[in-house]
Structure formats: structure tokens, C-alpha cells
């Protein structure tokens, strides 16, 4: 193996290690920020959770604020991608049911992501206010326009499409943000079971589709 091949292999190995470390830090940061908020979280706690030296946090992200914003950006991208690209010719019931299932899957599998976002909003969204007023607003208007088209065609009952999206968010994210409350009410020990999320998913789909005049519930696409 010549020097050039060795150098390429080393670069590949370093790139893989870098990506693995970044993923560890992001996952750890999401958990620590969810539990302590931005102010209460420390880079030392994040490093300990990630199992890496504290210096790695600063090497890859610079500051706690930049890491926090990276976590928020990752959460936002994850949520927006959960509503697949839809068009005016898609089936309303299938589209809405799939979106609810995707959002509930995120609440079940990435509960800390929802908690980080909720904490940011409760504090007045100091770091993402511009995003809420631009990108998120545009995204909501784009999706709402398609829902309004379905309503105009008589394929859905008349509803306020923007408020419908907000209510879907609140109904799905409550299972992450307030899991401890749901667990207490349902007789669990602070942790919900998979069947709890399944039942909640079906219930939310039923409520939304009935509101929109769409029945029966379509199977997962």
C-alpha cells in the first residue's frame, strides 16, 4: 500500500470518527438540553453524556450556543421532513394519517427533541424567532394551501387548515412533552408502552379525519 493510499485511508478513518463523535455529541446534547434547558445545561454534562472529552464539544461546535442551535436545526429538519412532499392530487385521508403516524413515531422515538423545542418556545423562542416568522410560516402556508385546495374540490370538509396543522402538532407532541403525566394517568411507571403510542395514534387519526369529513381510517401507506 503506497503513501497516497495510506493517506486516503487515514482521511476516511478520521472522517468516520469525526462523524461518529458529532452524532454522539448531538444525541447527548439533545438529552441534556431537554432535561435542563439551555441555561441549565453545561458542556461538561453534555461531554459526560456523550462519553467524550469536554474539549471535543468546543472543537466540533465552538460554543454551547452554537451546539444548541445545531440541535434545534436538526430537530426542525426532522419535523419538517416528517410531512412528506404532498401534492394536490394526493389522497387527503392517507396524507393526514401518514403525517400523524410520522409525528407520533418521533414523539415515541425522539421525545427529547420535542422537549427541547417546547422549552425554547416557552422561553419566547429567543434563538429561533426569525425561523418561526419566515421558514416555518412559509412551510405552514405551503401545506395549508394544499389542504385548502382539497377543501375547495369538496374532498375535505371545510376546516381552518393552518389551525388543523397546529392541533396535529399539539396532539402528537404532548405524548413526548408530557409523557410522565400520561404515564401516571394510564397507570404506567413514568414510561409509556408501545401500545400506548399505537392507541394514541389511532385516536388522533380518528379525531382529525372525522373533523375533516374523511372516513374510514386508511392503512399505513
C-alpha atoms as a PDB file:
ATOM      1  CA  UNK A   1       0.000   0.000   0.000  1.00  0.00           C
ATOM      2  CA  UNK A   2       1.593   3.295  -1.091  1.00  0.00           C
ATOM      3  CA  UNK A   3       1.707   6.568   0.823  1.00  0.00           C
ATOM      4  CA  UNK A   4      -1.183   8.086  -1.132  1.00  0.00           C
ATOM      5  CA  UNK A   5      -3.406   5.087  -0.387  1.00  0.00           C
ATOM      6  CA  UNK A   6      -2.459   5.256   3.285  1.00  0.00           C
ATOM      7  CA  UNK A   7      -3.288   8.951   3.381  1.00  0.00           C
ATOM      8  CA  UNK A   8      -6.688   8.300   1.793  1.00  0.00           C
ATOM      9  CA  UNK A   9      -7.431   5.535   4.306  1.00  0.00           C
ATOM     10  CA  UNK A  10      -6.400   7.792   7.179  1.00  0.00           C
ATOM     11  CA  UNK A  11      -8.614  10.607   5.913  1.00  0.00           C
ATOM     12  CA  UNK A  12     -11.541   8.194   5.600  1.00  0.00           C
ATOM     13  CA  UNK A  13     -10.982   6.888   9.124  1.00  0.00           C
ATOM     14  CA  UNK A  14     -10.713  10.403  10.543  1.00  0.00           C
ATOM     15  CA  UNK A  15     -13.864  11.445   8.711  1.00  0.00           C
ATOM     16  CA  UNK A  16     -15.743   8.472  10.138  1.00  0.00           C
ATOM     17  CA  UNK A  17     -14.521   9.187  13.670  1.00  0.00           C
ATOM     18  CA  UNK A  18     -15.452  12.857  13.279  1.00  0.00           C
ATOM     19  CA  UNK A  19     -18.980  11.968  12.166  1.00  0.00           C
ATOM     20  CA  UNK A  20     -19.406   9.438  14.967  1.00  0.00           C
ATOM     21  CA  UNK A  21     -18.274  11.999  17.554  1.00  0.00           C
ATOM     22  CA  UNK A  22     -20.602  14.664  16.182  1.00  0.00           C
ATOM     23  CA  UNK A  23     -23.529  12.237  16.315  1.00  0.00           C
ATOM     24  CA  UNK A  24     -22.669  11.285  19.903  1.00  0.00           C
ATOM     25  CA  UNK A  25     -22.478  14.941  20.924  1.00  0.00           C
ATOM     26  CA  UNK A  26     -25.736  15.856  19.184  1.00  0.00           C
ATOM     27  CA  UNK A  27     -27.590  12.959  20.817  1.00  0.00           C
ATOM     28  CA  UNK A  28     -26.158  13.766  24.235  1.00  0.00           C
ATOM     29  CA  UNK A  29     -26.866  17.483  23.836  1.00  0.00           C
ATOM     30  CA  UNK A  30     -30.484  16.797  22.897  1.00  0.00           C
ATOM     31  CA  UNK A  31     -30.927  14.795  26.098  1.00  0.00           C
ATOM     32  CA  UNK A  32     -29.163  17.313  28.356  1.00  0.00           C
ATOM     33  CA  UNK A  33     -30.914  20.342  26.852  1.00  0.00           C
ATOM     34  CA  UNK A  34     -34.259  18.545  27.191  1.00  0.00           C
ATOM     35  CA  UNK A  35     -33.679  17.894  30.867  1.00  0.00           C
ATOM     36  CA  UNK A  36     -32.038  21.160  31.872  1.00  0.00           C
ATOM     37  CA  UNK A  37     -32.909  23.761  29.268  1.00  0.00           C
ATOM     38  CA  UNK A  38     -30.288  25.912  27.571  1.00  0.00           C
ATOM     39  CA  UNK A  39     -29.260  27.816  30.680  1.00  0.00           C
ATOM     40  CA  UNK A  40     -29.081  24.796  32.950  1.00  0.00           C
ATOM     41  CA  UNK A  41     -27.151  22.617  30.511  1.00  0.00           C
ATOM     42  CA  UNK A  42     -23.360  22.613  30.587  1.00  0.00           C
ATOM     43  CA  UNK A  43     -20.818  21.435  28.057  1.00  0.00           C
ATOM     44  CA  UNK A  44     -19.299  19.301  30.820  1.00  0.00           C
ATOM     45  CA  UNK A  45     -22.606  17.466  31.301  1.00  0.00           C
ATOM     46  CA  UNK A  46     -23.006  17.011  27.547  1.00  0.00           C
ATOM     47  CA  UNK A  47     -19.477  15.666  27.224  1.00  0.00           C
ATOM     48  CA  UNK A  48     -20.070  13.231  30.088  1.00  0.00           C
ATOM     49  CA  UNK A  49     -23.316  12.032  28.498  1.00  0.00           C
ATOM     50  CA  UNK A  50     -21.539  11.597  25.159  1.00  0.00           C
ATOM     51  CA  UNK A  51     -18.601   9.802  26.756  1.00  0.00           C
ATOM     52  CA  UNK A  52     -16.147  12.240  25.184  1.00  0.00           C
ATOM     53  CA  UNK A  53     -13.679  14.845  26.489  1.00  0.00           C
ATOM     54  CA  UNK A  54     -15.164  18.289  27.023  1.00  0.00           C
ATOM     55  CA  UNK A  55     -12.635  19.679  24.552  1.00  0.00           C
ATOM     56  CA  UNK A  56     -14.394  17.772  21.773  1.00  0.00           C
ATOM     57  CA  UNK A  57     -17.535  19.845  22.286  1.00  0.00           C
ATOM     58  CA  UNK A  58     -15.640  23.057  21.659  1.00  0.00           C
ATOM     59  CA  UNK A  59     -13.590  21.554  18.838  1.00  0.00           C
ATOM     60  CA  UNK A  60     -16.646  20.488  16.823  1.00  0.00           C
ATOM     61  CA  UNK A  61     -19.158  23.195  17.786  1.00  0.00           C
ATOM     62  CA  UNK A  62     -17.245  26.079  19.338  1.00  0.00           C
ATOM     63  CA  UNK A  63     -19.725  27.204  21.986  1.00  0.00           C
ATOM     64  CA  UNK A  64     -22.724  25.865  23.859  1.00  0.00           C
ATOM     65  CA  UNK A  65     -24.923  28.341  21.984  1.00  0.00           C
ATOM     66  CA  UNK A  66     -23.761  27.044  18.597  1.00  0.00           C
ATOM     67  CA  UNK A  67     -24.314  23.452  19.704  1.00  0.00           C
ATOM     68  CA  UNK A  68     -27.784  24.332  20.939  1.00  0.00           C
ATOM     69  CA  UNK A  69     -28.652  25.932  17.617  1.00  0.00           C
ATOM     70  CA  UNK A  70     -27.318  22.870  15.775  1.00  0.00           C
ATOM     71  CA  UNK A  71     -29.615  20.672  17.884  1.00  0.00           C
ATOM     72  CA  UNK A  72     -32.590  22.931  17.154  1.00  0.00           C
ATOM     73  CA  UNK A  73     -31.810  22.946  13.424  1.00  0.00           C
ATOM     74  CA  UNK A  74     -31.637  19.146  13.428  1.00  0.00           C
ATOM     75  CA  UNK A  75     -34.991  18.900  15.214  1.00  0.00           C
ATOM     76  CA  UNK A  76     -36.640  21.340  12.826  1.00  0.00           C
ATOM     77  CA  UNK A  77     -35.333  19.491   9.767  1.00  0.00           C
ATOM     78  CA  UNK A  78     -36.530  16.200  11.235  1.00  0.00           C
ATOM     79  CA  UNK A  79     -40.038  17.500  11.870  1.00  0.00           C
ATOM     80  CA  UNK A  80     -40.463  19.226   8.528  1.00  0.00           C
ATOM     81  CA  UNK A  81     -39.337  16.116   6.674  1.00  0.00           C
ATOM     82  CA  UNK A  82     -41.911  14.026   8.560  1.00  0.00           C
ATOM     83  CA  UNK A  83     -44.626  15.605   6.387  1.00  0.00           C
ATOM     84  CA  UNK A  84     -43.630  14.057   3.087  1.00  0.00           C
ATOM     85  CA  UNK A  85     -43.824  16.072  -0.090  1.00  0.00           C
ATOM     86  CA  UNK A  86     -47.514  16.254  -0.907  1.00  0.00           C
ATOM     87  CA  UNK A  87     -49.414  17.428  -3.934  1.00  0.00           C
ATOM     88  CA  UNK A  88     -52.935  18.464  -4.810  1.00  0.00           C
ATOM     89  CA  UNK A  89     -53.613  15.043  -6.349  1.00  0.00           C
ATOM     90  CA  UNK A  90     -52.752  13.091  -3.198  1.00  0.00           C
ATOM     91  CA  UNK A  91     -55.428  11.452  -1.084  1.00  0.00           C
ATOM     92  CA  UNK A  92     -56.310  13.697   1.901  1.00  0.00           C
ATOM     93  CA  UNK A  93     -57.090  10.902   4.355  1.00  0.00           C
ATOM     94  CA  UNK A  94     -53.931   8.938   3.579  1.00  0.00           C
ATOM     95  CA  UNK A  95     -51.774  12.057   3.681  1.00  0.00           C
ATOM     96  CA  UNK A  96     -53.066  13.251   7.056  1.00  0.00           C
ATOM     97  CA  UNK A  97     -52.983   9.766   8.597  1.00  0.00           C
ATOM     98  CA  UNK A  98     -49.397   9.212   7.440  1.00  0.00           C
ATOM     99  CA  UNK A  99     -48.346  12.582   8.839  1.00  0.00           C
ATOM    100  CA  UNK A 100     -49.885  11.845  12.227  1.00  0.00           C
ATOM    101  CA  UNK A 101     -48.205   8.436  12.314  1.00  0.00           C
ATOM    102  CA  UNK A 102     -44.848  10.029  11.465  1.00  0.00           C
ATOM    103  CA  UNK A 103     -45.216  12.703  14.146  1.00  0.00           C
ATOM    104  CA  UNK A 104     -46.239  10.146  16.754  1.00  0.00           C
ATOM    105  CA  UNK A 105     -43.265   7.966  15.829  1.00  0.00           C
ATOM    106  CA  UNK A 106     -40.998  10.936  16.501  1.00  0.00           C
ATOM    107  CA  UNK A 107     -42.688  11.574  19.849  1.00  0.00           C
ATOM    108  CA  UNK A 108     -42.118   7.945  20.760  1.00  0.00           C
ATOM    109  CA  UNK A 109     -38.567   7.583  19.459  1.00  0.00           C
ATOM    110  CA  UNK A 110     -37.198  11.129  19.885  1.00  0.00           C
ATOM    111  CA  UNK A 111     -39.086  12.550  22.889  1.00  0.00           C
ATOM    112  CA  UNK A 112     -36.161  14.728  23.912  1.00  0.00           C
ATOM    113  CA  UNK A 113     -36.320  16.527  20.577  1.00  0.00           C
ATOM    114  CA  UNK A 114     -39.861  17.644  21.283  1.00  0.00           C
ATOM    115  CA  UNK A 115     -38.935  18.730  24.815  1.00  0.00           C
ATOM    116  CA  UNK A 116     -36.020  20.844  23.599  1.00  0.00           C
ATOM    117  CA  UNK A 117     -38.268  22.606  21.091  1.00  0.00           C
ATOM    118  CA  UNK A 118     -41.030  23.103  23.660  1.00  0.00           C
ATOM    119  CA  UNK A 119     -38.577  24.604  26.152  1.00  0.00           C
ATOM    120  CA  UNK A 120     -37.348  27.020  23.508  1.00  0.00           C
ATOM    121  CA  UNK A 121     -40.883  28.183  22.729  1.00  0.00           C
ATOM    122  CA  UNK A 122     -41.804  28.533  26.410  1.00  0.00           C
ATOM    123  CA  UNK A 123     -38.828  30.856  26.821  1.00  0.00           C
ATOM    124  CA  UNK A 124     -40.093  33.029  23.961  1.00  0.00           C
ATOM    125  CA  UNK A 125     -38.076  31.382  21.173  1.00  0.00           C
ATOM    126  CA  UNK A 126     -35.053  33.715  21.590  1.00  0.00           C
ATOM    127  CA  UNK A 127     -32.913  31.720  19.174  1.00  0.00           C
ATOM    128  CA  UNK A 128     -35.427  30.701  16.528  1.00  0.00           C
ATOM    129  CA  UNK A 129     -37.893  33.593  16.387  1.00  0.00           C
ATOM    130  CA  UNK A 130     -36.700  34.573  12.903  1.00  0.00           C
ATOM    131  CA  UNK A 131     -37.148  30.982  11.743  1.00  0.00           C
ATOM    132  CA  UNK A 132     -40.706  30.872  13.090  1.00  0.00           C
ATOM    133  CA  UNK A 133     -41.559  34.088  11.242  1.00  0.00           C
ATOM    134  CA  UNK A 134     -40.031  33.019   7.928  1.00  0.00           C
ATOM    135  CA  UNK A 135     -39.286  29.371   7.111  1.00  0.00           C
ATOM    136  CA  UNK A 136     -41.900  27.794   9.379  1.00  0.00           C
ATOM    137  CA  UNK A 137     -44.522  30.338   8.329  1.00  0.00           C
ATOM    138  CA  UNK A 138     -43.791  29.606   4.652  1.00  0.00           C
ATOM    139  CA  UNK A 139     -43.937  25.851   5.279  1.00  0.00           C
ATOM    140  CA  UNK A 140     -47.307  26.111   7.033  1.00  0.00           C
ATOM    141  CA  UNK A 141     -48.737  28.283   4.267  1.00  0.00           C
ATOM    142  CA  UNK A 142     -47.496  25.862   1.601  1.00  0.00           C
ATOM    143  CA  UNK A 143     -49.089  22.819   3.270  1.00  0.00           C
ATOM    144  CA  UNK A 144     -52.254  24.733   4.194  1.00  0.00           C
ATOM    145  CA  UNK A 145     -52.685  25.793   0.570  1.00  0.00           C
ATOM    146  CA  UNK A 146     -52.852  22.152  -0.483  1.00  0.00           C
ATOM    147  CA  UNK A 147     -55.382  21.363   2.248  1.00  0.00           C
ATOM    148  CA  UNK A 148     -57.440  24.372   1.139  1.00  0.00           C
ATOM    149  CA  UNK A 149     -57.361  23.063  -2.430  1.00  0.00           C
ATOM    150  CA  UNK A 150     -58.781  19.750  -1.242  1.00  0.00           C
ATOM    151  CA  UNK A 151     -61.498  21.643   0.609  1.00  0.00           C
ATOM    152  CA  UNK A 152     -62.365  23.693  -2.477  1.00  0.00           C
ATOM    153  CA  UNK A 153     -62.662  20.487  -4.501  1.00  0.00           C
ATOM    154  CA  UNK A 154     -65.022  19.015  -1.914  1.00  0.00           C
ATOM    155  CA  UNK A 155     -62.542  16.309  -0.960  1.00  0.00           C
ATOM    156  CA  UNK A 156     -62.398  17.534   2.654  1.00  0.00           C
ATOM    157  CA  UNK A 157     -64.870  19.210   4.962  1.00  0.00           C
ATOM    158  CA  UNK A 158     -64.239  22.935   5.491  1.00  0.00           C
ATOM    159  CA  UNK A 159     -61.675  23.461   8.266  1.00  0.00           C
ATOM    160  CA  UNK A 160     -59.129  26.113   9.160  1.00  0.00           C
ATOM    161  CA  UNK A 161     -56.151  24.363   7.587  1.00  0.00           C
ATOM    162  CA  UNK A 162     -53.463  26.250   9.500  1.00  0.00           C
ATOM    163  CA  UNK A 163     -55.111  25.626  12.849  1.00  0.00           C
ATOM    164  CA  UNK A 164     -55.550  21.986  11.867  1.00  0.00           C
ATOM    165  CA  UNK A 165     -51.767  21.641  11.468  1.00  0.00           C
ATOM    166  CA  UNK A 166     -51.183  23.310  14.835  1.00  0.00           C
ATOM    167  CA  UNK A 167     -53.629  20.971  16.551  1.00  0.00           C
ATOM    168  CA  UNK A 168     -51.946  17.949  14.987  1.00  0.00           C
ATOM    169  CA  UNK A 169     -48.665  19.184  16.432  1.00  0.00           C
ATOM    170  CA  UNK A 170     -50.132  19.679  19.891  1.00  0.00           C
ATOM    171  CA  UNK A 171     -51.934  16.325  19.927  1.00  0.00           C
ATOM    172  CA  UNK A 172     -48.856  14.377  18.844  1.00  0.00           C
ATOM    173  CA  UNK A 173     -46.160  16.227  20.762  1.00  0.00           C
ATOM    174  CA  UNK A 174     -47.996  16.040  24.083  1.00  0.00           C
ATOM    175  CA  UNK A 175     -47.065  12.346  24.188  1.00  0.00           C
ATOM    176  CA  UNK A 176     -43.405  13.364  24.326  1.00  0.00           C
ATOM    177  CA  UNK A 177     -43.564  16.618  26.280  1.00  0.00           C
ATOM    178  CA  UNK A 178     -45.918  15.301  28.969  1.00  0.00           C
ATOM    179  CA  UNK A 179     -45.096  11.593  28.918  1.00  0.00           C
ATOM    180  CA  UNK A 180     -44.767  11.484  32.698  1.00  0.00           C
ATOM    181  CA  UNK A 181     -48.304  12.863  33.043  1.00  0.00           C
ATOM    182  CA  UNK A 182     -49.753  10.411  30.546  1.00  0.00           C
ATOM    183  CA  UNK A 183     -47.888   7.561  32.216  1.00  0.00           C
ATOM    184  CA  UNK A 184     -49.343   8.487  35.607  1.00  0.00           C
ATOM    185  CA  UNK A 185     -52.883   8.718  34.252  1.00  0.00           C
ATOM    186  CA  UNK A 186     -52.563   5.424  32.373  1.00  0.00           C
ATOM    187  CA  UNK A 187     -51.045   3.626  35.355  1.00  0.00           C
ATOM    188  CA  UNK A 188     -47.541   3.268  33.945  1.00  0.00           C
ATOM    189  CA  UNK A 189     -44.328   3.817  35.883  1.00  0.00           C
ATOM    190  CA  UNK A 190     -43.183   7.076  34.246  1.00  0.00           C
ATOM    191  CA  UNK A 191     -42.639   5.317  30.906  1.00  0.00           C
ATOM    192  CA  UNK A 192     -45.299   4.694  28.282  1.00  0.00           C
ATOM    193  CA  UNK A 193     -45.518   1.439  26.379  1.00  0.00           C
ATOM    194  CA  UNK A 194     -45.584   0.947  22.614  1.00  0.00           C
ATOM    195  CA  UNK A 195     -49.268   0.073  22.736  1.00  0.00           C
ATOM    196  CA  UNK A 196     -49.980   3.431  24.398  1.00  0.00           C
ATOM    197  CA  UNK A 197     -48.496   5.239  21.420  1.00  0.00           C
ATOM    198  CA  UNK A 198     -50.341   2.953  18.993  1.00  0.00           C
ATOM    199  CA  UNK A 199     -53.669   3.633  20.684  1.00  0.00           C
ATOM    200  CA  UNK A 200     -52.992   7.372  20.819  1.00  0.00           C
ATOM    201  CA  UNK A 201     -52.043   7.406  17.145  1.00  0.00           C
ATOM    202  CA  UNK A 202     -55.293   5.721  16.094  1.00  0.00           C
ATOM    203  CA  UNK A 203     -57.293   8.061  18.326  1.00  0.00           C
ATOM    204  CA  UNK A 204     -55.684  11.217  16.918  1.00  0.00           C
ATOM    205  CA  UNK A 205     -56.160   9.997  13.356  1.00  0.00           C
ATOM    206  CA  UNK A 206     -59.825   9.308  14.087  1.00  0.00           C
ATOM    207  CA  UNK A 207     -60.372  12.777  15.543  1.00  0.00           C
ATOM    208  CA  UNK A 208     -58.636  14.553  12.660  1.00  0.00           C
ATOM    209  CA  UNK A 209     -60.284  12.550   9.889  1.00  0.00           C
ATOM    210  CA  UNK A 210     -63.742  12.907  11.423  1.00  0.00           C
ATOM    211  CA  UNK A 211     -63.197  16.651  11.726  1.00  0.00           C
ATOM    212  CA  UNK A 212     -62.212  16.748   8.064  1.00  0.00           C
ATOM    213  CA  UNK A 213     -65.110  14.534   6.976  1.00  0.00           C
ATOM    214  CA  UNK A 214     -62.753  11.731   5.992  1.00  0.00           C
ATOM    215  CA  UNK A 215     -63.561   8.120   6.819  1.00  0.00           C
ATOM    216  CA  UNK A 216     -62.635   5.323   7.190  1.00  0.00           C
ATOM    217  CA  UNK A 217     -59.094   5.411   8.544  1.00  0.00           C
ATOM    218  CA  UNK A 218     -56.666   4.388   5.774  1.00  0.00           C
ATOM    219  CA  UNK A 219     -53.989   1.793   6.414  1.00  0.00           C
ATOM    220  CA  UNK A 220     -50.353   2.840   6.621  1.00  0.00           C
ATOM    221  CA  UNK A 221     -49.071   3.698   3.146  1.00  0.00           C
END
